[in-house]
N, C-alpha and C. Protein backbone atom coordinates (compact mmCIF):
# COMPACT_ATOMS: atom_id res chain seq x y z
N MET A 1 0.84 -1.17 0.00
CA MET A 1 0.00 0.00 0.00
C MET A 1 0.89 1.24 0.00
N SER A 2 0.73 2.10 -0.98
CA SER A 2 1.55 3.29 -1.04
C SER A 2 0.69 4.53 -0.82
N ALA A 3 1.10 5.30 0.11
CA ALA A 3 0.38 6.54 0.42
C ALA A 3 1.21 7.72 -0.06
N SER A 4 0.54 8.69 -0.62
CA SER A 4 1.28 9.87 -1.05
C SER A 4 1.56 10.73 0.17
N ARG A 5 2.73 11.25 0.20
CA ARG A 5 3.15 12.06 1.34
C ARG A 5 3.53 13.45 0.88
N ALA A 6 3.17 14.39 1.67
CA ALA A 6 3.54 15.78 1.39
C ALA A 6 4.82 16.10 2.14
N PRO A 7 5.66 16.90 1.55
CA PRO A 7 6.89 17.27 2.27
C PRO A 7 6.56 18.09 3.51
N ILE A 8 7.37 17.92 4.51
CA ILE A 8 7.20 18.68 5.75
C ILE A 8 8.18 19.84 5.73
N ILE A 9 7.65 21.00 5.96
CA ILE A 9 8.50 22.19 6.03
C ILE A 9 8.63 22.54 7.50
N LEU A 10 9.85 22.42 8.03
CA LEU A 10 10.07 22.66 9.44
C LEU A 10 10.05 24.14 9.78
N SER A 11 10.65 24.94 8.95
CA SER A 11 10.63 26.38 9.18
C SER A 11 10.78 27.08 7.85
N ARG A 12 10.27 28.24 7.81
CA ARG A 12 10.36 29.04 6.59
C ARG A 12 11.07 30.33 6.95
N ILE A 13 12.16 30.57 6.29
CA ILE A 13 12.94 31.78 6.56
C ILE A 13 12.58 32.81 5.51
N GLU A 14 12.03 33.90 5.96
CA GLU A 14 11.72 35.00 5.05
C GLU A 14 12.99 35.77 4.73
N PRO A 15 13.08 36.28 3.52
CA PRO A 15 14.26 37.10 3.20
C PRO A 15 14.35 38.28 4.17
N GLU A 16 15.54 38.64 4.51
CA GLU A 16 15.77 39.72 5.45
C GLU A 16 15.25 41.03 4.88
N GLN A 17 14.63 41.80 5.72
CA GLN A 17 14.17 43.12 5.35
C GLN A 17 14.83 44.13 6.27
N LEU A 18 15.17 45.27 5.73
CA LEU A 18 15.79 46.32 6.51
C LEU A 18 14.79 47.45 6.72
N THR A 19 14.72 47.94 7.93
CA THR A 19 13.93 49.13 8.18
C THR A 19 14.70 50.33 7.64
N LEU A 20 14.00 51.44 7.55
CA LEU A 20 14.64 52.67 7.10
C LEU A 20 15.81 53.02 8.00
N GLU A 21 15.61 52.89 9.30
CA GLU A 21 16.66 53.23 10.26
C GLU A 21 17.87 52.30 10.12
N ARG A 22 17.60 51.02 9.90
CA ARG A 22 18.70 50.05 9.75
C ARG A 22 19.47 50.31 8.45
N LEU A 23 18.76 50.62 7.38
CA LEU A 23 19.41 50.96 6.11
C LEU A 23 20.28 52.19 6.28
N ALA A 24 19.77 53.19 6.99
CA ALA A 24 20.54 54.41 7.25
C ALA A 24 21.79 54.10 8.06
N ALA A 25 21.65 53.24 9.07
CA ALA A 25 22.81 52.88 9.90
C ALA A 25 23.85 52.10 9.10
N CYS A 26 23.41 51.25 8.19
CA CYS A 26 24.34 50.45 7.39
C CYS A 26 25.11 51.28 6.37
N THR A 27 24.51 52.36 5.92
CA THR A 27 25.12 53.14 4.84
C THR A 27 25.65 54.50 5.27
N GLY A 28 25.25 54.96 6.44
CA GLY A 28 25.67 56.28 6.88
C GLY A 28 24.93 57.41 6.21
N VAL A 29 23.80 57.09 5.59
CA VAL A 29 22.98 58.10 4.92
C VAL A 29 21.80 58.42 5.83
N HIS A 30 21.52 59.69 6.01
CA HIS A 30 20.44 60.12 6.90
C HIS A 30 19.09 59.58 6.39
N PRO A 31 18.22 59.14 7.29
CA PRO A 31 16.92 58.59 6.88
C PRO A 31 16.09 59.54 6.03
N SER A 32 16.15 60.84 6.30
CA SER A 32 15.37 61.78 5.49
C SER A 32 15.88 61.83 4.05
N ARG A 33 17.19 61.66 3.87
CA ARG A 33 17.73 61.63 2.51
C ARG A 33 17.28 60.35 1.80
N ILE A 34 17.24 59.24 2.52
CA ILE A 34 16.77 57.99 1.93
C ILE A 34 15.31 58.13 1.51
N LYS A 35 14.48 58.75 2.36
CA LYS A 35 13.08 58.98 2.00
C LYS A 35 12.98 59.83 0.74
N TYR A 36 13.85 60.83 0.63
CA TYR A 36 13.86 61.68 -0.55
C TYR A 36 14.19 60.86 -1.79
N PHE A 37 15.16 59.96 -1.68
CA PHE A 37 15.52 59.09 -2.80
C PHE A 37 14.35 58.18 -3.18
N VAL A 38 13.61 57.72 -2.18
CA VAL A 38 12.42 56.89 -2.46
C VAL A 38 11.38 57.72 -3.20
N GLU A 39 11.12 58.94 -2.73
CA GLU A 39 10.15 59.82 -3.38
C GLU A 39 10.56 60.14 -4.81
N PHE A 40 11.86 60.27 -5.04
CA PHE A 40 12.36 60.59 -6.38
C PHE A 40 12.38 59.35 -7.28
N GLY A 41 12.25 58.16 -6.70
CA GLY A 41 12.20 56.94 -7.49
C GLY A 41 13.54 56.24 -7.65
N LEU A 42 14.55 56.67 -6.89
CA LEU A 42 15.87 56.05 -7.00
C LEU A 42 15.97 54.75 -6.20
N LEU A 43 15.20 54.66 -5.13
CA LEU A 43 15.16 53.46 -4.29
C LEU A 43 13.72 52.97 -4.20
N GLU A 44 13.56 51.66 -4.19
CA GLU A 44 12.23 51.07 -4.12
C GLU A 44 12.12 50.25 -2.84
N PRO A 45 11.26 50.66 -1.91
CA PRO A 45 11.08 49.84 -0.72
C PRO A 45 10.39 48.52 -1.08
N ARG A 46 10.73 47.47 -0.34
CA ARG A 46 10.12 46.17 -0.57
C ARG A 46 8.67 46.17 -0.09
N ALA A 47 8.44 46.84 1.04
CA ALA A 47 7.10 46.88 1.62
C ALA A 47 6.92 48.17 2.40
N ARG A 48 5.66 48.51 2.62
CA ARG A 48 5.30 49.66 3.44
C ARG A 48 4.23 49.20 4.42
N THR A 49 4.44 49.54 5.67
CA THR A 49 3.45 49.26 6.70
C THR A 49 3.17 50.58 7.40
N GLY A 50 2.05 51.18 7.06
CA GLY A 50 1.77 52.51 7.58
C GLY A 50 2.82 53.49 7.07
N THR A 51 3.56 54.07 7.99
CA THR A 51 4.62 54.99 7.60
C THR A 51 5.99 54.31 7.57
N GLN A 52 6.05 53.06 8.00
CA GLN A 52 7.32 52.32 8.06
C GLN A 52 7.68 51.75 6.69
N LEU A 53 8.91 51.95 6.27
CA LEU A 53 9.42 51.41 5.01
C LEU A 53 10.35 50.24 5.30
N PHE A 54 10.26 49.21 4.47
CA PHE A 54 11.15 48.05 4.57
C PHE A 54 11.86 47.88 3.25
N PHE A 55 13.18 47.63 3.32
CA PHE A 55 14.01 47.55 2.13
C PHE A 55 14.69 46.20 2.01
N ASP A 56 14.95 45.81 0.79
CA ASP A 56 15.73 44.63 0.49
C ASP A 56 17.19 44.93 0.83
N PRO A 57 17.95 43.95 1.30
CA PRO A 57 19.37 44.20 1.58
C PRO A 57 20.16 44.70 0.37
N ALA A 58 19.69 44.40 -0.84
CA ALA A 58 20.38 44.88 -2.05
C ALA A 58 20.34 46.40 -2.13
N CYS A 59 19.44 47.04 -1.41
CA CYS A 59 19.36 48.50 -1.41
C CYS A 59 20.60 49.13 -0.79
N ILE A 60 21.31 48.38 0.04
CA ILE A 60 22.55 48.90 0.61
C ILE A 60 23.54 49.24 -0.51
N THR A 61 23.72 48.30 -1.41
CA THR A 61 24.63 48.50 -2.54
C THR A 61 24.15 49.62 -3.43
N ARG A 62 22.85 49.64 -3.71
CA ARG A 62 22.29 50.67 -4.59
C ARG A 62 22.42 52.06 -3.95
N LEU A 63 22.16 52.15 -2.66
CA LEU A 63 22.27 53.43 -1.97
C LEU A 63 23.71 53.92 -1.95
N ARG A 64 24.64 53.02 -1.75
CA ARG A 64 26.06 53.40 -1.80
C ARG A 64 26.45 53.90 -3.18
N LEU A 65 25.90 53.27 -4.22
CA LEU A 65 26.16 53.70 -5.59
C LEU A 65 25.58 55.09 -5.82
N ILE A 66 24.37 55.32 -5.35
CA ILE A 66 23.75 56.64 -5.48
C ILE A 66 24.62 57.71 -4.83
N GLU A 67 25.06 57.44 -3.62
CA GLU A 67 25.89 58.40 -2.91
C GLU A 67 27.23 58.61 -3.63
N ARG A 68 27.79 57.55 -4.16
CA ARG A 68 29.06 57.67 -4.90
C ARG A 68 28.88 58.53 -6.15
N LEU A 69 27.78 58.31 -6.87
CA LEU A 69 27.51 59.10 -8.07
C LEU A 69 27.31 60.58 -7.70
N ARG A 70 26.65 60.83 -6.58
CA ARG A 70 26.43 62.21 -6.14
C ARG A 70 27.73 62.89 -5.73
N HIS A 71 28.50 62.21 -4.89
CA HIS A 71 29.70 62.85 -4.32
C HIS A 71 30.90 62.81 -5.27
N ASP A 72 31.18 61.65 -5.83
CA ASP A 72 32.40 61.50 -6.62
C ASP A 72 32.26 62.05 -8.04
N LEU A 73 31.08 61.86 -8.64
CA LEU A 73 30.89 62.32 -10.02
C LEU A 73 30.10 63.62 -10.12
N GLY A 74 29.48 64.04 -9.01
CA GLY A 74 28.71 65.27 -9.02
C GLY A 74 27.42 65.19 -9.81
N ALA A 75 26.90 63.97 -9.99
CA ALA A 75 25.66 63.81 -10.76
C ALA A 75 24.47 64.29 -9.94
N ASN A 76 23.52 64.94 -10.62
CA ASN A 76 22.29 65.33 -9.94
C ASN A 76 21.33 64.13 -9.92
N LEU A 77 20.20 64.27 -9.24
CA LEU A 77 19.29 63.12 -9.08
C LEU A 77 18.72 62.64 -10.40
N ALA A 78 18.44 63.54 -11.32
CA ALA A 78 17.93 63.13 -12.63
C ALA A 78 19.00 62.32 -13.38
N GLY A 79 20.24 62.77 -13.31
CA GLY A 79 21.34 62.04 -13.95
C GLY A 79 21.54 60.67 -13.31
N ILE A 80 21.43 60.62 -11.99
CA ILE A 80 21.56 59.35 -11.28
C ILE A 80 20.46 58.40 -11.70
N ALA A 81 19.24 58.92 -11.87
CA ALA A 81 18.12 58.07 -12.30
C ALA A 81 18.40 57.45 -13.67
N VAL A 82 18.95 58.24 -14.58
CA VAL A 82 19.28 57.74 -15.91
C VAL A 82 20.38 56.67 -15.81
N ILE A 83 21.41 56.94 -15.04
CA ILE A 83 22.51 55.99 -14.88
C ILE A 83 22.01 54.68 -14.28
N LEU A 84 21.19 54.76 -13.24
CA LEU A 84 20.67 53.54 -12.60
C LEU A 84 19.78 52.76 -13.56
N ASP A 85 18.97 53.47 -14.35
CA ASP A 85 18.12 52.79 -15.33
C ASP A 85 18.96 52.05 -16.35
N LEU A 86 20.01 52.70 -16.83
CA LEU A 86 20.90 52.05 -17.81
C LEU A 86 21.61 50.84 -17.20
N LEU A 87 22.05 50.97 -15.96
CA LEU A 87 22.69 49.83 -15.29
C LEU A 87 21.73 48.67 -15.09
N ASP A 88 20.47 48.99 -14.73
CA ASP A 88 19.46 47.94 -14.57
C ASP A 88 19.19 47.23 -15.89
N ARG A 89 19.10 48.00 -16.97
CA ARG A 89 18.88 47.40 -18.29
C ARG A 89 20.07 46.54 -18.71
N LEU A 90 21.26 47.02 -18.44
CA LEU A 90 22.47 46.26 -18.77
C LEU A 90 22.49 44.94 -18.02
N THR A 91 22.15 44.97 -16.75
CA THR A 91 22.11 43.75 -15.94
C THR A 91 21.07 42.77 -16.49
N ALA A 92 19.90 43.27 -16.88
CA ALA A 92 18.86 42.41 -17.44
C ALA A 92 19.33 41.79 -18.75
N LEU A 93 20.00 42.56 -19.58
CA LEU A 93 20.52 42.03 -20.84
C LEU A 93 21.60 40.98 -20.62
N GLN A 94 22.45 41.21 -19.63
CA GLN A 94 23.48 40.22 -19.31
C GLN A 94 22.85 38.90 -18.86
N ARG A 95 21.79 38.98 -18.04
CA ARG A 95 21.09 37.77 -17.62
C ARG A 95 20.49 37.04 -18.81
N GLU A 96 19.91 37.81 -19.72
CA GLU A 96 19.30 37.21 -20.90
C GLU A 96 20.34 36.52 -21.78
N VAL A 97 21.48 37.15 -21.96
CA VAL A 97 22.56 36.54 -22.74
C VAL A 97 23.01 35.23 -22.09
N GLU A 98 23.15 35.23 -20.77
CA GLU A 98 23.55 34.01 -20.05
C GLU A 98 22.52 32.91 -20.24
N GLN A 99 21.24 33.24 -20.22
CA GLN A 99 20.20 32.24 -20.45
C GLN A 99 20.30 31.66 -21.85
N TRP A 100 20.56 32.50 -22.84
CA TRP A 100 20.71 32.02 -24.20
C TRP A 100 21.93 31.13 -24.35
N ARG A 101 23.01 31.48 -23.66
CA ARG A 101 24.22 30.66 -23.73
C ARG A 101 23.97 29.28 -23.14
N ARG A 102 23.23 29.22 -22.05
CA ARG A 102 22.93 27.91 -21.42
C ARG A 102 22.05 27.05 -22.32
N ARG A 103 21.18 27.67 -23.09
CA ARG A 103 20.30 26.92 -24.00
C ARG A 103 21.06 26.33 -25.17
N LEU A 104 22.13 27.01 -25.59
CA LEU A 104 22.89 26.55 -26.75
C LEU A 104 23.88 25.55 -26.31
């Protein structure tokens, strides 16, 4: 007699989320500046609960890049938005090329 069995999941680990304050502490960027970047569309929070923002850990790298572009290159926010969009598109194209290579 064979019975079908469902897998048992002992625990489920949710991906880590950073609060606005934690993101600010990790990057040294003031929380109000991070909120401004969110309003401008440079950073995307993973979730919002009331007034609380939660960010993906990848936002640490992105926020550091934003600050580097501002301070080191003197780019304004509109220029940074264009640069980030181009980098995102480049990354997507690189993933697509890798998928095509694996298929061949």
